Amino acid sequence: MFKSIGFASALVLSSLLVAPFAMAEESPAFVARNEAIHTNFEQHEEALAAKAKAYDNTQQASTYNPQMENAKHT
């Protein structure tokens, strides 16, 4: 009997603790915050892609090839 009362009270307590998080997903502030985070992530991702592309372009434009330099000296 005490086990089922303990289990029931734990279930009720956990649902009361989780309920605000479930309601937060519907609030306008929560939606706006998630949108801002998503926008910031996309901007950061685009910046990293631009850096990687610029790095690739500089690597392709480089004429220095360490393997060729090593081959000349051996």
C-alpha atoms as a PDB file:
ATOM      1  CA  MET A   1       0.000   0.000   0.000  1.00  0.00           C
ATOM      2  CA  PHE A   2       2.774   2.414   0.921  1.00  0.00           C
ATOM      3  CA  LYS A   3       4.593   1.613  -2.298  1.00  0.00           C
ATOM      4  CA  SER A   4       1.586   2.501  -4.436  1.00  0.00           C
ATOM      5  CA  ILE A   5       1.007   5.718  -2.498  1.00  0.00           C
ATOM      6  CA  GLY A   6       4.681   6.598  -2.904  1.00  0.00           C
ATOM      7  CA  PHE A   7       4.551   5.799  -6.592  1.00  0.00           C
ATOM      8  CA  ALA A   8       1.388   7.847  -7.102  1.00  0.00           C
ATOM      9  CA  SER A   9       2.773  10.818  -5.188  1.00  0.00           C
ATOM     10  CA  ALA A  10       6.028  10.670  -7.184  1.00  0.00           C
ATOM     11  CA  LEU A  11       4.030  10.613 -10.414  1.00  0.00           C
ATOM     12  CA  VAL A  12       1.917  13.605  -9.366  1.00  0.00           C
ATOM     13  CA  LEU A  13       4.948  15.526  -8.142  1.00  0.00           C
ATOM     14  CA  SER A  14       6.901  14.875 -11.345  1.00  0.00           C
ATOM     15  CA  SER A  15       3.969  15.941 -13.517  1.00  0.00           C
ATOM     16  CA  LEU A  16       3.627  19.166 -11.514  1.00  0.00           C
ATOM     17  CA  LEU A  17       7.326  19.881 -11.957  1.00  0.00           C
ATOM     18  CA  VAL A  18       7.258  19.198 -15.712  1.00  0.00           C
ATOM     19  CA  ALA A  19       4.005  21.070 -16.450  1.00  0.00           C
ATOM     20  CA  PRO A  20       5.589  24.568 -16.639  1.00  0.00           C
ATOM     21  CA  PHE A  21       8.073  23.330 -19.235  1.00  0.00           C
ATOM     22  CA  ALA A  22       5.267  21.928 -21.365  1.00  0.00           C
ATOM     23  CA  MET A  23       3.395  25.226 -21.191  1.00  0.00           C
ATOM     24  CA  ALA A  24       6.548  27.220 -21.880  1.00  0.00           C
ATOM     25  CA  GLU A  25       6.742  25.765 -25.378  1.00  0.00           C
ATOM     26  CA  GLU A  26       3.507  27.532 -26.271  1.00  0.00           C
ATOM     27  CA  SER A  27       4.360  30.935 -24.814  1.00  0.00           C
ATOM     28  CA  PRO A  28       5.290  33.751 -27.238  1.00  0.00           C
ATOM     29  CA  ALA A  29       8.453  34.512 -25.268  1.00  0.00           C
ATOM     30  CA  PHE A  30       9.624  30.917 -25.610  1.00  0.00           C
ATOM     31  CA  VAL A  31       8.909  30.894 -29.342  1.00  0.00           C
ATOM     32  CA  ALA A  32      10.715  34.220 -29.819  1.00  0.00           C
ATOM     33  CA  ARG A  33      13.713  32.992 -27.829  1.00  0.00           C
ATOM     34  CA  ASN A  34      13.962  29.801 -29.881  1.00  0.00           C
ATOM     35  CA  GLU A  35      13.690  31.812 -33.101  1.00  0.00           C
ATOM     36  CA  ALA A  36      16.512  34.105 -31.971  1.00  0.00           C
ATOM     37  CA  ILE A  37      18.696  31.128 -31.073  1.00  0.00           C
ATOM     38  CA  HIS A  38      17.969  29.494 -34.426  1.00  0.00           C
ATOM     39  CA  THR A  39      18.758  32.704 -36.338  1.00  0.00           C
ATOM     40  CA  ASN A  40      22.006  33.166 -34.428  1.00  0.00           C
ATOM     41  CA  PHE A  41      22.985  29.555 -35.146  1.00  0.00           C
ATOM     42  CA  GLU A  42      22.301  29.975 -38.873  1.00  0.00           C
ATOM     43  CA  GLN A  43      24.379  33.159 -39.025  1.00  0.00           C
ATOM     44  CA  HIS A  44      27.234  31.441 -37.225  1.00  0.00           C
ATOM     45  CA  GLU A  45      26.992  28.449 -39.561  1.00  0.00           C
ATOM     46  CA  GLU A  46      27.095  30.715 -42.636  1.00  0.00           C
ATOM     47  CA  ALA A  47      30.114  32.566 -41.250  1.00  0.00           C
ATOM     48  CA  LEU A  48      31.954  29.296 -40.691  1.00  0.00           C
ATOM     49  CA  ALA A  49      31.099  28.133 -44.204  1.00  0.00           C
ATOM     50  CA  ALA A  50      32.422  31.410 -45.631  1.00  0.00           C
ATOM     51  CA  LYS A  51      35.643  31.044 -43.630  1.00  0.00           C
ATOM     52  CA  ALA A  52      36.087  27.474 -44.828  1.00  0.00           C
ATOM     53  CA  LYS A  53      35.502  28.512 -48.432  1.00  0.00           C
ATOM     54  CA  ALA A  54      37.994  31.374 -48.117  1.00  0.00           C
ATOM     55  CA  TYR A  55      40.510  28.995 -46.563  1.00  0.00           C
ATOM     56  CA  ASP A  56      40.035  26.508 -49.417  1.00  0.00           C
ATOM     57  CA  ASN A  57      40.494  29.283 -51.972  1.00  0.00           C
ATOM     58  CA  THR A  58      43.762  30.417 -50.371  1.00  0.00           C
ATOM     59  CA  GLN A  59      44.995  26.833 -50.205  1.00  0.00           C
ATOM     60  CA  GLN A  60      44.272  26.309 -53.906  1.00  0.00           C
ATOM     61  CA  ALA A  61      45.944  29.589 -54.819  1.00  0.00           C
ATOM     62  CA  SER A  62      49.073  28.677 -52.896  1.00  0.00           C
ATOM     63  CA  THR A  63      51.980  27.514 -55.044  1.00  0.00           C
ATOM     64  CA  TYR A  64      53.980  26.050 -52.182  1.00  0.00           C
ATOM     65  CA  ASN A  65      53.857  22.270 -52.131  1.00  0.00           C
ATOM     66  CA  PRO A  66      55.893  20.700 -49.286  1.00  0.00           C
ATOM     67  CA  GLN A  67      56.005  17.302 -51.014  1.00  0.00           C
ATOM     68  CA  MET A  68      57.602  18.806 -54.106  1.00  0.00           C
ATOM     69  CA  GLU A  69      60.103  20.698 -51.940  1.00  0.00           C
ATOM     70  CA  ASN A  70      61.051  17.472 -50.164  1.00  0.00           C
ATOM     71  CA  ALA A  71      61.444  15.671 -53.489  1.00  0.00           C
ATOM     72  CA  LYS A  72      63.888  18.342 -54.703  1.00  0.00           C
ATOM     73  CA  HIS A  73      66.153  17.875 -51.687  1.00  0.00           C
ATOM     74  CA  THR A  74      66.333  14.100 -51.675  1.00  0.00           C
END
